[in-house]
Amino acid sequence: MKVMIFDDEIDVLQLYSMILQRRGHEVHTAQNCLHLMDKIEEVHPDVIIMDNEMPVLSGLQATKVLKEDTVYKAIPIICISANTEGAKLAKEAHADMFLPKPLGIRELEDAINKVTLKAA
């Protein structure tokens, strides 16, 4: 499965990428949402993991953009955040799921499986 992770924290990107790759996923990462559409078009991910809070274009703004686009709206998006309002904000952005940070890899993989099964 192709997983695209957007998070401005390099440690988070490296950790999730390494673990998901070991579990057989093809993982692509980006530290910001600049050139969002280009990255999505290049990768054609099966699922997107999106940090709510990033500089320039937030994950919430990026999620709204993708969910309003007829080409990309079917891609499941899991928003993640340490913000206590994260779940509410992710729902408003039309994310498919929200997970609070810090999160375990099993929780992340279960979420990936759940949203991709629902989208199929």
PDB file of N, CA and C in Angstrom:
ATOM      1  N   MET A   1       0.840  -1.170   0.000  1.00  0.00           N
ATOM      2  CA  MET A   1       0.000   0.000   0.000  1.00  0.00           C
ATOM      3  C   MET A   1       0.888   1.238   0.000  1.00  0.00           C
ATOM      4  N   LYS A   2       0.496   2.252  -0.779  1.00  0.00           N
ATOM      5  CA  LYS A   2       1.249   3.506  -0.830  1.00  0.00           C
ATOM      6  C   LYS A   2       0.709   4.467   0.235  1.00  0.00           C
ATOM      7  N   VAL A   3       1.594   4.879   1.121  1.00  0.00           N
ATOM      8  CA  VAL A   3       1.244   5.787   2.210  1.00  0.00           C
ATOM      9  C   VAL A   3       2.035   7.075   2.029  1.00  0.00           C
ATOM     10  N   MET A   4       1.349   8.221   2.061  1.00  0.00           N
ATOM     11  CA  MET A   4       1.995   9.526   1.993  1.00  0.00           C
ATOM     12  C   MET A   4       1.834  10.182   3.343  1.00  0.00           C
ATOM     13  N   ILE A   5       2.961  10.591   3.958  1.00  0.00           N
ATOM     14  CA  ILE A   5       2.923  11.224   5.277  1.00  0.00           C
ATOM     15  C   ILE A   5       3.397  12.674   5.158  1.00  0.00           C
ATOM     16  N   PHE A   6       2.557  13.592   5.612  1.00  0.00           N
ATOM     17  CA  PHE A   6       2.910  15.007   5.695  1.00  0.00           C
ATOM     18  C   PHE A   6       3.045  15.360   7.173  1.00  0.00           C
ATOM     19  N   ASP A   7       4.247  15.738   7.594  1.00  0.00           N
ATOM     20  CA  ASP A   7       4.476  16.153   8.978  1.00  0.00           C
ATOM     21  C   ASP A   7       5.732  17.006   9.001  1.00  0.00           C
ATOM     22  N   ASP A   8       5.697  18.117   9.721  1.00  0.00           N
ATOM     23  CA  ASP A   8       6.865  18.997   9.767  1.00  0.00           C
ATOM     24  C   ASP A   8       7.939  18.519  10.740  1.00  0.00           C
ATOM     25  N   GLU A   9       7.647  17.504  11.524  1.00  0.00           N
ATOM     26  CA  GLU A   9       8.632  16.959  12.461  1.00  0.00           C
ATOM     27  C   GLU A   9       9.378  15.804  11.801  1.00  0.00           C
ATOM     28  N   ILE A  10      10.660  16.017  11.509  1.00  0.00           N
ATOM     29  CA  ILE A  10      11.458  15.025  10.793  1.00  0.00           C
ATOM     30  C   ILE A  10      11.547  13.710  11.556  1.00  0.00           C
ATOM     31  N   ASP A  11      11.598  13.771  12.885  1.00  0.00           N
ATOM     32  CA  ASP A  11      11.656  12.537  13.681  1.00  0.00           C
ATOM     33  C   ASP A  11      10.399  11.687  13.494  1.00  0.00           C
ATOM     34  N   VAL A  12       9.253  12.339  13.435  1.00  0.00           N
ATOM     35  CA  VAL A  12       7.987  11.630  13.225  1.00  0.00           C
ATOM     36  C   VAL A  12       7.987  10.983  11.846  1.00  0.00           C
ATOM     37  N   LEU A  13       8.404  11.752  10.837  1.00  0.00           N
ATOM     38  CA  LEU A  13       8.463  11.208   9.478  1.00  0.00           C
ATOM     39  C   LEU A  13       9.369   9.987   9.394  1.00  0.00           C
ATOM     40  N   GLN A  14      10.546  10.089   9.972  1.00  0.00           N
ATOM     41  CA  GLN A  14      11.506   8.989   9.905  1.00  0.00           C
ATOM     42  C   GLN A  14      10.995   7.752  10.653  1.00  0.00           C
ATOM     43  N   LEU A  15      10.443   7.945  11.833  1.00  0.00           N
ATOM     44  CA  LEU A  15       9.958   6.825  12.632  1.00  0.00           C
ATOM     45  C   LEU A  15       8.812   6.098  11.933  1.00  0.00           C
ATOM     46  N   TYR A  16       7.761   6.837  11.561  1.00  0.00           N
ATOM     47  CA  TYR A  16       6.616   6.205  10.914  1.00  0.00           C
ATOM     48  C   TYR A  16       7.004   5.590   9.578  1.00  0.00           C
ATOM     49  N   SER A  17       7.847   6.279   8.846  1.00  0.00           N
ATOM     50  CA  SER A  17       8.287   5.763   7.549  1.00  0.00           C
ATOM     51  C   SER A  17       9.029   4.439   7.706  1.00  0.00           C
ATOM     52  N   MET A  18       9.972   4.402   8.620  1.00  0.00           N
ATOM     53  CA  MET A  18      10.772   3.195   8.831  1.00  0.00           C
ATOM     54  C   MET A  18       9.879   2.018   9.245  1.00  0.00           C
ATOM     55  N   ILE A  19       9.004   2.248  10.194  1.00  0.00           N
ATOM     56  CA  ILE A  19       8.163   1.161  10.702  1.00  0.00           C
ATOM     57  C   ILE A  19       7.159   0.692   9.647  1.00  0.00           C
ATOM     58  N   LEU A  20       6.514   1.639   8.954  1.00  0.00           N
ATOM     59  CA  LEU A  20       5.546   1.241   7.935  1.00  0.00           C
ATOM     60  C   LEU A  20       6.217   0.530   6.761  1.00  0.00           C
ATOM     61  N   GLN A  21       7.430   0.946   6.418  1.00  0.00           N
ATOM     62  CA  GLN A  21       8.170   0.249   5.351  1.00  0.00           C
ATOM     63  C   GLN A  21       8.486  -1.179   5.766  1.00  0.00           C
ATOM     64  N   ARG A  22       8.880  -1.364   7.001  1.00  0.00           N
ATOM     65  CA  ARG A  22       9.172  -2.715   7.498  1.00  0.00           C
ATOM     66  C   ARG A  22       7.933  -3.596   7.474  1.00  0.00           C
ATOM     67  N   ARG A  23       6.767  -2.980   7.526  1.00  0.00           N
ATOM     68  CA  ARG A  23       5.508  -3.733   7.487  1.00  0.00           C
ATOM     69  C   ARG A  23       4.971  -3.873   6.067  1.00  0.00           C
ATOM     70  N   GLY A  24       5.809  -3.527   5.090  1.00  0.00           N
ATOM     71  CA  GLY A  24       5.465  -3.776   3.694  1.00  0.00           C
ATOM     72  C   GLY A  24       4.827  -2.635   2.927  1.00  0.00           C
ATOM     73  N   HIS A  25       4.714  -1.464   3.538  1.00  0.00           N
ATOM     74  CA  HIS A  25       4.112  -0.326   2.844  1.00  0.00           C
ATOM     75  C   HIS A  25       5.168   0.439   2.055  1.00  0.00           C
ATOM     76  N   GLU A  26       4.745   1.032   0.957  1.00  0.00           N
ATOM     77  CA  GLU A  26       5.580   1.971   0.210  1.00  0.00           C
ATOM     78  C   GLU A  26       5.276   3.345   0.801  1.00  0.00           C
ATOM     79  N   VAL A  27       6.279   3.983   1.399  1.00  0.00           N
ATOM     80  CA  VAL A  27       6.044   5.222   2.137  1.00  0.00           C
ATOM     81  C   VAL A  27       6.747   6.396   1.472  1.00  0.00           C
ATOM     82  N   HIS A  28       6.011   7.493   1.345  1.00  0.00           N
ATOM     83  CA  HIS A  28       6.549   8.753   0.821  1.00  0.00           C
ATOM     84  C   HIS A  28       6.281   9.821   1.872  1.00  0.00           C
ATOM     85  N   THR A  29       7.214  10.753   2.034  1.00  0.00           N
ATOM     86  CA  THR A  29       7.069  11.755   3.088  1.00  0.00           C
ATOM     87  C   THR A  29       7.302  13.164   2.544  1.00  0.00           C
ATOM     88  N   ALA A  30       6.751  14.126   3.274  1.00  0.00           N
ATOM     89  CA  ALA A  30       6.984  15.543   2.988  1.00  0.00           C
ATOM     90  C   ALA A  30       6.877  16.308   4.295  1.00  0.00           C
ATOM     91  N   GLN A  31       7.746  17.310   4.468  1.00  0.00           N
ATOM     92  CA  GLN A  31       7.754  18.093   5.697  1.00  0.00           C
ATOM     93  C   GLN A  31       6.812  19.286   5.651  1.00  0.00           C
ATOM     94  N   ASN A  32       6.177  19.511   4.518  1.00  0.00           N
ATOM     95  CA  ASN A  32       5.209  20.594   4.425  1.00  0.00           C
ATOM     96  C   ASN A  32       4.239  20.280   3.291  1.00  0.00           C
ATOM     97  N   CYS A  33       3.252  21.126   3.140  1.00  0.00           N
ATOM     98  CA  CYS A  33       2.227  20.894   2.120  1.00  0.00           C
ATOM     99  C   CYS A  33       2.426  21.765   0.888  1.00  0.00           C
ATOM    100  N   LEU A  34       3.601  22.374   0.774  1.00  0.00           N
ATOM    101  CA  LEU A  34       3.899  23.114  -0.444  1.00  0.00           C
ATOM    102  C   LEU A  34       3.900  22.138  -1.606  1.00  0.00           C
ATOM    103  N   HIS A  35       3.368  22.546  -2.703  1.00  0.00           N
ATOM    104  CA  HIS A  35       3.290  21.684  -3.890  1.00  0.00           C
ATOM    105  C   HIS A  35       2.502  20.409  -3.602  1.00  0.00           C
ATOM    106  N   LEU A  36       1.493  20.549  -2.749  1.00  0.00           N
ATOM    107  CA  LEU A  36       0.667  19.429  -2.308  1.00  0.00           C
ATOM    108  C   LEU A  36       0.157  18.587  -3.477  1.00  0.00           C
ATOM    109  N   MET A  37      -0.491  19.240  -4.432  1.00  0.00           N
ATOM    110  CA  MET A  37      -1.088  18.507  -5.548  1.00  0.00           C
ATOM    111  C   MET A  37      -0.030  17.795  -6.386  1.00  0.00           C
ATOM    112  N   ASP A  38       1.109  18.444  -6.585  1.00  0.00           N
ATOM    113  CA  ASP A  38       2.190  17.804  -7.348  1.00  0.00           C
ATOM    114  C   ASP A  38       2.659  16.527  -6.666  1.00  0.00           C
ATOM    115  N   LYS A  39       2.808  16.580  -5.342  1.00  0.00           N
ATOM    116  CA  LYS A  39       3.272  15.411  -4.593  1.00  0.00           C
ATOM    117  C   LYS A  39       2.242  14.286  -4.636  1.00  0.00           C
ATOM    118  N   ILE A  40       0.982  14.644  -4.489  1.00  0.00           N
ATOM    119  CA  ILE A  40      -0.084  13.640  -4.528  1.00  0.00           C
ATOM    120  C   ILE A  40      -0.167  13.027  -5.931  1.00  0.00           C
ATOM    121  N   GLU A  41      -0.083  13.858  -6.948  1.00  0.00           N
ATOM    122  CA  GLU A  41      -0.140  13.377  -8.329  1.00  0.00           C
ATOM    123  C   GLU A  41       1.035  12.449  -8.636  1.00  0.00           C
ATOM    124  N   GLU A  42       2.204  12.785  -8.115  1.00  0.00           N
ATOM    125  CA  GLU A  42       3.407  11.971  -8.342  1.00  0.00           C
ATOM    126  C   GLU A  42       3.302  10.602  -7.671  1.00  0.00           C
ATOM    127  N   VAL A  43       2.803  10.566  -6.444  1.00  0.00           N
ATOM    128  CA  VAL A  43       2.786   9.339  -5.646  1.00  0.00           C
ATOM    129  C   VAL A  43       1.528   8.492  -5.882  1.00  0.00           C
ATOM    130  N   HIS A  44       0.378   9.132  -6.088  1.00  0.00           N
ATOM    131  CA  HIS A  44      -0.911   8.422  -6.160  1.00  0.00           C
ATOM    132  C   HIS A  44      -1.092   7.527  -4.933  1.00  0.00           C
ATOM    133  N   PRO A  45      -1.080   8.120  -3.730  1.00  0.00           N
ATOM    134  CA  PRO A  45      -1.150   7.311  -2.503  1.00  0.00           C
ATOM    135  C   PRO A  45      -2.511   6.648  -2.303  1.00  0.00           C
ATOM    136  N   ASP A  46      -2.483   5.538  -1.586  1.00  0.00           N
ATOM    137  CA  ASP A  46      -3.717   4.859  -1.190  1.00  0.00           C
ATOM    138  C   ASP A  46      -4.306   5.495   0.057  1.00  0.00           C
ATOM    139  N   VAL A  47      -3.437   6.139   0.847  1.00  0.00           N
ATOM    140  CA  VAL A  47      -3.864   6.799   2.082  1.00  0.00           C
ATOM    141  C   VAL A  47      -2.868   7.910   2.407  1.00  0.00           C
ATOM    142  N   ILE A  48      -3.380   8.968   3.051  1.00  0.00           N
ATOM    143  CA  ILE A  48      -2.540  10.105   3.446  1.00  0.00           C
ATOM    144  C   ILE A  48      -2.625  10.265   4.956  1.00  0.00           C
ATOM    145  N   ILE A  49      -1.456  10.407   5.582  1.00  0.00           N
ATOM    146  CA  ILE A  49      -1.366  10.743   7.012  1.00  0.00           C
ATOM    147  C   ILE A  49      -0.990  12.218   7.045  1.00  0.00           C
ATOM    148  N   MET A  50      -1.818  13.045   7.669  1.00  0.00           N
ATOM    149  CA  MET A  50      -1.644  14.491   7.591  1.00  0.00           C
ATOM    150  C   MET A  50      -1.596  15.099   8.981  1.00  0.00           C
ATOM    151  N   ASP A  51      -0.449  15.722   9.323  1.00  0.00           N
ATOM    152  CA  ASP A  51      -0.368  16.467  10.577  1.00  0.00           C
ATOM    153  C   ASP A  51      -1.232  17.716  10.443  1.00  0.00           C
ATOM    154  N   ASN A  52      -2.080  17.980  11.421  1.00  0.00           N
ATOM    155  CA  ASN A  52      -2.974  19.138  11.361  1.00  0.00           C
ATOM    156  C   ASN A  52      -2.212  20.451  11.293  1.00  0.00           C
ATOM    157  N   GLU A  53      -1.127  20.547  12.058  1.00  0.00           N
ATOM    158  CA  GLU A  53      -0.466  21.834  12.237  1.00  0.00           C
ATOM    159  C   GLU A  53       0.918  21.828  11.604  1.00  0.00           C
ATOM    160  N   MET A  54       1.016  22.525  10.468  1.00  0.00           N
ATOM    161  CA  MET A  54       2.295  22.689   9.788  1.00  0.00           C
ATOM    162  C   MET A  54       2.393  24.126   9.299  1.00  0.00           C
ATOM    163  N   PRO A  55       3.611  24.608   9.095  1.00  0.00           N
ATOM    164  CA  PRO A  55       3.763  25.988   8.617  1.00  0.00           C
ATOM    165  C   PRO A  55       3.327  26.144   7.160  1.00  0.00           C
ATOM    166  N   VAL A  56       3.077  27.341   6.771  1.00  0.00           N
ATOM    167  CA  VAL A  56       2.685  27.786   5.430  1.00  0.00           C
ATOM    168  C   VAL A  56       1.258  27.325   5.091  1.00  0.00           C
ATOM    169  N   LEU A  57       1.069  26.060   4.756  1.00  0.00           N
ATOM    170  CA  LEU A  57      -0.244  25.490   4.490  1.00  0.00           C
ATOM    171  C   LEU A  57      -0.447  24.379   5.509  1.00  0.00           C
ATOM    172  N   SER A  58      -1.398  24.563   6.413  1.00  0.00           N
ATOM    173  CA  SER A  58      -1.590  23.562   7.463  1.00  0.00           C
ATOM    174  C   SER A  58      -2.169  22.277   6.888  1.00  0.00           C
ATOM    175  N   GLY A  59      -2.026  21.209   7.637  1.00  0.00           N
ATOM    176  CA  GLY A  59      -2.606  19.940   7.233  1.00  0.00           C
ATOM    177  C   GLY A  59      -4.116  20.015   7.119  1.00  0.00           C
ATOM    178  N   LEU A  60      -4.729  20.829   7.961  1.00  0.00           N
ATOM    179  CA  LEU A  60      -6.178  21.010   7.899  1.00  0.00           C
ATOM    180  C   LEU A  60      -6.576  21.712   6.603  1.00  0.00           C
ATOM    181  N   GLN A  61      -5.831  22.751   6.236  1.00  0.00           N
ATOM    182  CA  GLN A  61      -6.110  23.439   4.977  1.00  0.00           C
ATOM    183  C   GLN A  61      -5.879  22.504   3.791  1.00  0.00           C
ATOM    184  N   ALA A  62      -4.802  21.735   3.857  1.00  0.00           N
ATOM    185  CA  ALA A  62      -4.496  20.793   2.778  1.00  0.00           C
ATOM    186  C   ALA A  62      -5.579  19.723   2.665  1.00  0.00           C
ATOM    187  N   THR A  63      -6.074  19.243   3.798  1.00  0.00           N
ATOM    188  CA  THR A  63      -7.144  18.251   3.795  1.00  0.00           C
ATOM    189  C   THR A  63      -8.392  18.818   3.129  1.00  0.00           C
ATOM    190  N   LYS A  64      -8.751  20.053   3.466  1.00  0.00           N
ATOM    191  CA  LYS A  64      -9.911  20.695   2.842  1.00  0.00           C
ATOM    192  C   LYS A  64      -9.739  20.792   1.329  1.00  0.00           C
ATOM    193  N   VAL A  65      -8.544  21.196   0.897  1.00  0.00           N
ATOM    194  CA  VAL A  65      -8.266  21.322  -0.535  1.00  0.00           C
ATOM    195  C   VAL A  65      -8.451  19.978  -1.234  1.00  0.00           C
ATOM    196  N   LEU A  66      -7.881  18.918  -0.659  1.00  0.00           N
ATOM    197  CA  LEU A  66      -7.978  17.591  -1.273  1.00  0.00           C
ATOM    198  C   LEU A  66      -9.415  17.070  -1.273  1.00  0.00           C
ATOM    199  N   LYS A  67     -10.143  17.277  -0.187  1.00  0.00           N
ATOM    200  CA  LYS A  67     -11.504  16.758  -0.082  1.00  0.00           C
ATOM    201  C   LYS A  67     -12.496  17.535  -0.952  1.00  0.00           C
ATOM    202  N   GLU A  68     -12.128  18.735  -1.383  1.00  0.00           N
ATOM    203  CA  GLU A  68     -12.986  19.518  -2.274  1.00  0.00           C
ATOM    204  C   GLU A  68     -12.651  19.271  -3.743  1.00  0.00           C
ATOM    205  N   ASP A  69     -11.586  18.548  -4.017  1.00  0.00           N
ATOM    206  CA  ASP A  69     -11.152  18.278  -5.387  1.00  0.00           C
ATOM    207  C   ASP A  69     -11.732  16.939  -5.851  1.00  0.00           C
ATOM    208  N   THR A  70     -12.430  16.953  -6.963  1.00  0.00           N
ATOM    209  CA  THR A  70     -13.089  15.731  -7.433  1.00  0.00           C
ATOM    210  C   THR A  70     -12.111  14.607  -7.746  1.00  0.00           C
ATOM    211  N   VAL A  71     -10.884  14.940  -8.102  1.00  0.00           N
ATOM    212  CA  VAL A  71      -9.883  13.920  -8.427  1.00  0.00           C
ATOM    213  C   VAL A  71      -9.335  13.253  -7.175  1.00  0.00           C
ATOM    214  N   TYR A  72      -9.144  14.004  -6.093  1.00  0.00           N
ATOM    215  CA  TYR A  72      -8.446  13.511  -4.914  1.00  0.00           C
ATOM    216  C   TYR A  72      -9.336  13.207  -3.710  1.00  0.00           C
ATOM    217  N   LYS A  73     -10.599  13.595  -3.750  1.00  0.00           N
ATOM    218  CA  LYS A  73     -11.434  13.481  -2.557  1.00  0.00           C
ATOM    219  C   LYS A  73     -11.639  12.050  -2.069  1.00  0.00           C
ATOM    220  N   ALA A  74     -11.440  11.072  -2.935  1.00  0.00           N
ATOM    221  CA  ALA A  74     -11.636   9.673  -2.526  1.00  0.00           C
ATOM    222  C   ALA A  74     -10.440   9.100  -1.756  1.00  0.00           C
ATOM    223  N   ILE A  75      -9.309   9.798  -1.765  1.00  0.00           N
ATOM    224  CA  ILE A  75      -8.133   9.306  -1.030  1.00  0.00           C
ATOM    225  C   ILE A  75      -8.396   9.478   0.466  1.00  0.00           C
ATOM    226  N   PRO A  76      -8.346   8.394   1.232  1.00  0.00           N
ATOM    227  CA  PRO A  76      -8.562   8.525   2.675  1.00  0.00           C
ATOM    228  C   PRO A  76      -7.454   9.353   3.334  1.00  0.00           C
ATOM    229  N   ILE A  77      -7.862  10.237   4.235  1.00  0.00           N
ATOM    230  CA  ILE A  77      -6.914  11.081   4.962  1.00  0.00           C
ATOM    231  C   ILE A  77      -7.109  10.867   6.455  1.00  0.00           C
ATOM    232  N   ILE A  78      -6.009  10.538   7.118  1.00  0.00           N
ATOM    233  CA  ILE A  78      -5.979  10.409   8.571  1.00  0.00           C
ATOM    234  C   ILE A  78      -5.230  11.623   9.108  1.00  0.00           C
ATOM    235  N   CYS A  79      -5.911  12.483   9.831  1.00  0.00           N
ATOM    236  CA  CYS A  79      -5.264  13.641  10.437  1.00  0.00           C
ATOM    237  C   CYS A  79      -4.730  13.245  11.810  1.00  0.00           C
ATOM    238  N   ILE A  80      -3.561  13.775  12.130  1.00  0.00           N
ATOM    239  CA  ILE A  80      -2.943  13.522  13.435  1.00  0.00           C
ATOM    240  C   ILE A  80      -2.546  14.860  14.062  1.00  0.00           C
ATOM    241  N   SER A  81      -2.664  14.953  15.384  1.00  0.00           N
ATOM    242  CA  SER A  81      -2.301  16.189  16.065  1.00  0.00           C
ATOM    243  C   SER A  81      -2.235  15.975  17.566  1.00  0.00           C
ATOM    244  N   ALA A  82      -1.393  16.772  18.207  1.00  0.00           N
ATOM    245  CA  ALA A  82      -1.338  16.788  19.665  1.00  0.00           C
ATOM    246  C   ALA A  82      -2.317  17.817  20.228  1.00  0.00           C
ATOM    247  N   ASN A  83      -2.897  18.620  19.364  1.00  0.00           N
ATOM    248  CA  ASN A  83      -3.857  19.644  19.754  1.00  0.00           C
ATOM    249  C   ASN A  83      -5.129  18.997  20.276  1.00  0.00           C
ATOM    250  N   THR A  84      -5.598  19.452  21.425  1.00  0.00           N
ATOM    251  CA  THR A  84      -6.800  18.863  22.036  1.00  0.00           C
ATOM    252  C   THR A  84      -8.055  19.108  21.201  1.00  0.00           C
ATOM    253  N   GLU A  85      -8.036  20.098  20.340  1.00  0.00           N
ATOM    254  CA  GLU A  85      -9.171  20.385  19.452  1.00  0.00           C
ATOM    255  C   GLU A  85      -9.005  19.670  18.112  1.00  0.00           C
ATOM    256  N   GLY A  86      -7.974  18.853  17.984  1.00  0.00           N
ATOM    257  CA  GLY A  86      -7.640  18.222  16.712  1.00  0.00           C
ATOM    258  C   GLY A  86      -8.758  17.421  16.081  1.00  0.00           C
ATOM    259  N   ALA A  87      -9.479  16.658  16.873  1.00  0.00           N
ATOM    260  CA  ALA A  87     -10.547  15.814  16.337  1.00  0.00           C
ATOM    261  C   ALA A  87     -11.657  16.668  15.714  1.00  0.00           C
ATOM    262  N   LYS A  88     -12.044  17.715  16.410  1.00  0.00           N
ATOM    263  CA  LYS A  88     -13.093  18.605  15.908  1.00  0.00           C
ATOM    264  C   LYS A  88     -12.642  19.281  14.610  1.00  0.00           C
ATOM    265  N   LEU A  89     -11.412  19.774  14.608  1.00  0.00           N
ATOM    266  CA  LEU A  89     -10.887  20.469  13.433  1.00  0.00           C
ATOM    267  C   LEU A  89     -10.739  19.521  12.242  1.00  0.00           C
ATOM    268  N   ALA A  90     -10.298  18.295  12.498  1.00  0.00           N
ATOM    269  CA  ALA A  90     -10.154  17.311  11.429  1.00  0.00           C
ATOM    270  C   ALA A  90     -11.504  16.961  10.824  1.00  0.00           C
ATOM    271  N   LYS A  91     -12.511  16.854  11.665  1.00  0.00           N
ATOM    272  CA  LYS A  91     -13.867  16.559  11.176  1.00  0.00           C
ATOM    273  C   LYS A  91     -14.364  17.699  10.294  1.00  0.00           C
ATOM    274  N   GLU A  92     -14.121  18.940  10.722  1.00  0.00           N
ATOM    275  CA  GLU A  92     -14.534  20.107   9.939  1.00  0.00           C
ATOM    276  C   GLU A  92     -13.830  20.156   8.581  1.00  0.00           C
ATOM    277  N   ALA A  93     -12.606  19.615   8.520  1.00  0.00           N
ATOM    278  CA  ALA A  93     -11.833  19.581   7.272  1.00  0.00           C
ATOM    279  C   ALA A  93     -12.222  18.382   6.402  1.00  0.00           C
ATOM    280  N   HIS A  94     -13.127  17.542   6.904  1.00  0.00           N
ATOM    281  CA  HIS A  94     -13.615  16.345   6.206  1.00  0.00           C
ATOM    282  C   HIS A  94     -12.590  15.226   6.125  1.00  0.00           C
ATOM    283  N   ALA A  95     -11.712  15.163   7.124  1.00  0.00           N
ATOM    284  CA  ALA A  95     -10.772  14.040   7.206  1.00  0.00           C
ATOM    285  C   ALA A  95     -11.569  12.759   7.458  1.00  0.00           C
ATOM    286  N   ASP A  96     -11.019  11.646   7.019  1.00  0.00           N
ATOM    287  CA  ASP A  96     -11.693  10.363   7.201  1.00  0.00           C
ATOM    288  C   ASP A  96     -11.538   9.829   8.616  1.00  0.00           C
ATOM    289  N   MET A  97     -10.465  10.263   9.288  1.00  0.00           N
ATOM    290  CA  MET A  97     -10.213   9.793  10.648  1.00  0.00           C
ATOM    291  C   MET A  97      -9.252  10.766  11.326  1.00  0.00           C
ATOM    292  N   PHE A  98      -9.301  10.786  12.646  1.00  0.00           N
ATOM    293  CA  PHE A  98      -8.358  11.579  13.440  1.00  0.00           C
ATOM    294  C   PHE A  98      -7.713  10.690  14.483  1.00  0.00           C
ATOM    295  N   LEU A  99      -6.406  10.871  14.676  1.00  0.00           N
ATOM    296  CA  LEU A  99      -5.669  10.180  15.737  1.00  0.00           C
ATOM    297  C   LEU A  99      -4.870  11.203  16.539  1.00  0.00           C
ATOM    298  N   PRO A 100      -4.949  11.147  17.873  1.00  0.00           N
ATOM    299  CA  PRO A 100      -4.160  12.076  18.693  1.00  0.00           C
ATOM    300  C   PRO A 100      -2.708  11.632  18.800  1.00  0.00           C
ATOM    301  N   LYS A 101      -1.810  12.621  18.797  1.00  0.00           N
ATOM    302  CA  LYS A 101      -0.380  12.355  19.025  1.00  0.00           C
ATOM    303  C   LYS A 101      -0.139  12.395  20.522  1.00  0.00           C
ATOM    304  N   PRO A 102       0.792  11.656  21.044  1.00  0.00           N
ATOM    305  CA  PRO A 102       1.568  10.628  20.340  1.00  0.00           C
ATOM    306  C   PRO A 102       0.704   9.399  20.082  1.00  0.00           C
ATOM    307  N   LEU A 103       1.020   8.692  19.024  1.00  0.00           N
ATOM    308  CA  LEU A 103       0.258   7.494  18.710  1.00  0.00           C
ATOM    309  C   LEU A 103       1.202   6.344  18.443  1.00  0.00           C
ATOM    310  N   GLY A 104       0.728   5.171  18.741  1.00  0.00           N
ATOM    311  CA  GLY A 104       1.517   3.969  18.526  1.00  0.00           C
ATOM    312  C   GLY A 104       1.394   3.495  17.098  1.00  0.00           C
ATOM    313  N   ILE A 105       2.370   2.741  16.664  1.00  0.00           N
ATOM    314  CA  ILE A 105       2.384   2.265  15.293  1.00  0.00           C
ATOM    315  C   ILE A 105       1.239   1.297  15.029  1.00  0.00           C
ATOM    316  N   ARG A 106       0.872   0.494  16.009  1.00  0.00           N
ATOM    317  CA  ARG A 106      -0.260  -0.428  15.821  1.00  0.00           C
ATOM    318  C   ARG A 106      -1.550   0.363  15.610  1.00  0.00           C
ATOM    319  N   GLU A 107      -1.716   1.413  16.379  1.00  0.00           N
ATOM    320  CA  GLU A 107      -2.889   2.277  16.231  1.00  0.00           C
ATOM    321  C   GLU A 107      -2.918   2.912  14.838  1.00  0.00           C
ATOM    322  N   LEU A 108      -1.748   3.353  14.369  1.00  0.00           N
ATOM    323  CA  LEU A 108      -1.654   3.958  13.041  1.00  0.00           C
ATOM    324  C   LEU A 108      -1.962   2.929  11.953  1.00  0.00           C
ATOM    325  N   GLU A 109      -1.381   1.754  12.066  1.00  0.00           N
ATOM    326  CA  GLU A 109      -1.624   0.721  11.052  1.00  0.00           C
ATOM    327  C   GLU A 109      -3.090   0.270  11.058  1.00  0.00           C
ATOM    328  N   ASP A 110      -3.702   0.146  12.224  1.00  0.00           N
ATOM    329  CA  ASP A 110      -5.122  -0.202  12.297  1.00  0.00           C
ATOM    330  C   ASP A 110      -5.968   0.865  11.601  1.00  0.00           C
ATOM    331  N   ALA A 111      -5.609   2.125  11.819  1.00  0.00           N
ATOM    332  CA  ALA A 111      -6.347   3.229  11.179  1.00  0.00           C
ATOM    333  C   ALA A 111      -6.186   3.175   9.662  1.00  0.00           C
ATOM    334  N   ILE A 112      -4.977   2.914   9.189  1.00  0.00           N
ATOM    335  CA  ILE A 112      -4.729   2.809   7.751  1.00  0.00           C
ATOM    336  C   ILE A 112      -5.600   1.707   7.166  1.00  0.00           C
ATOM    337  N   ASN A 113      -5.606   0.558   7.808  1.00  0.00           N
ATOM    338  CA  ASN A 113      -6.407  -0.568   7.314  1.00  0.00           C
ATOM    339  C   ASN A 113      -7.898  -0.235   7.311  1.00  0.00           C
ATOM    340  N   LYS A 114      -8.352   0.422   8.348  1.00  0.00           N
ATOM    341  CA  LYS A 114      -9.771   0.753   8.471  1.00  0.00           C
ATOM    342  C   LYS A 114     -10.227   1.739   7.381  1.00  0.00           C
ATOM    343  N   VAL A 115      -9.470   2.819   7.174  1.00  0.00           N
ATOM    344  CA  VAL A 115      -9.909   3.818   6.187  1.00  0.00           C
ATOM    345  C   VAL A 115      -9.758   3.320   4.753  1.00  0.00           C
ATOM    346  N   THR A 116      -8.757   2.470   4.504  1.00  0.00           N
ATOM    347  CA  THR A 116      -8.606   1.968   3.134  1.00  0.00           C
ATOM    348  C   THR A 116      -9.645   0.908   2.814  1.00  0.00           C
ATOM    349  N   LEU A 117     -10.047   0.120   3.799  1.00  0.00           N
ATOM    350  CA  LEU A 117     -11.119  -0.853   3.581  1.00  0.00           C
ATOM    351  C   LEU A 117     -12.448  -0.138   3.318  1.00  0.00           C
ATOM    352  N   LYS A 118     -12.686   0.931   4.060  1.00  0.00           N
ATOM    353  CA  LYS A 118     -13.913   1.708   3.906  1.00  0.00           C
ATOM    354  C   LYS A 118     -13.952   2.356   2.528  1.00  0.00           C
ATOM    355  N   ALA A 119     -12.787   2.809   2.033  1.00  0.00           N
ATOM    356  CA  ALA A 119     -12.721   3.496   0.749  1.00  0.00           C
ATOM    357  C   ALA A 119     -12.849   2.532  -0.429  1.00  0.00           C
ATOM    358  N   ALA A 120     -12.556   1.267  -0.194  1.00  0.00           N
ATOM    359  CA  ALA A 120     -12.566   0.282  -1.298  1.00  0.00           C
ATOM    360  C   ALA A 120     -13.951  -0.081  -1.765  1.00  0.00           C
TER     361      ALA A 120
END
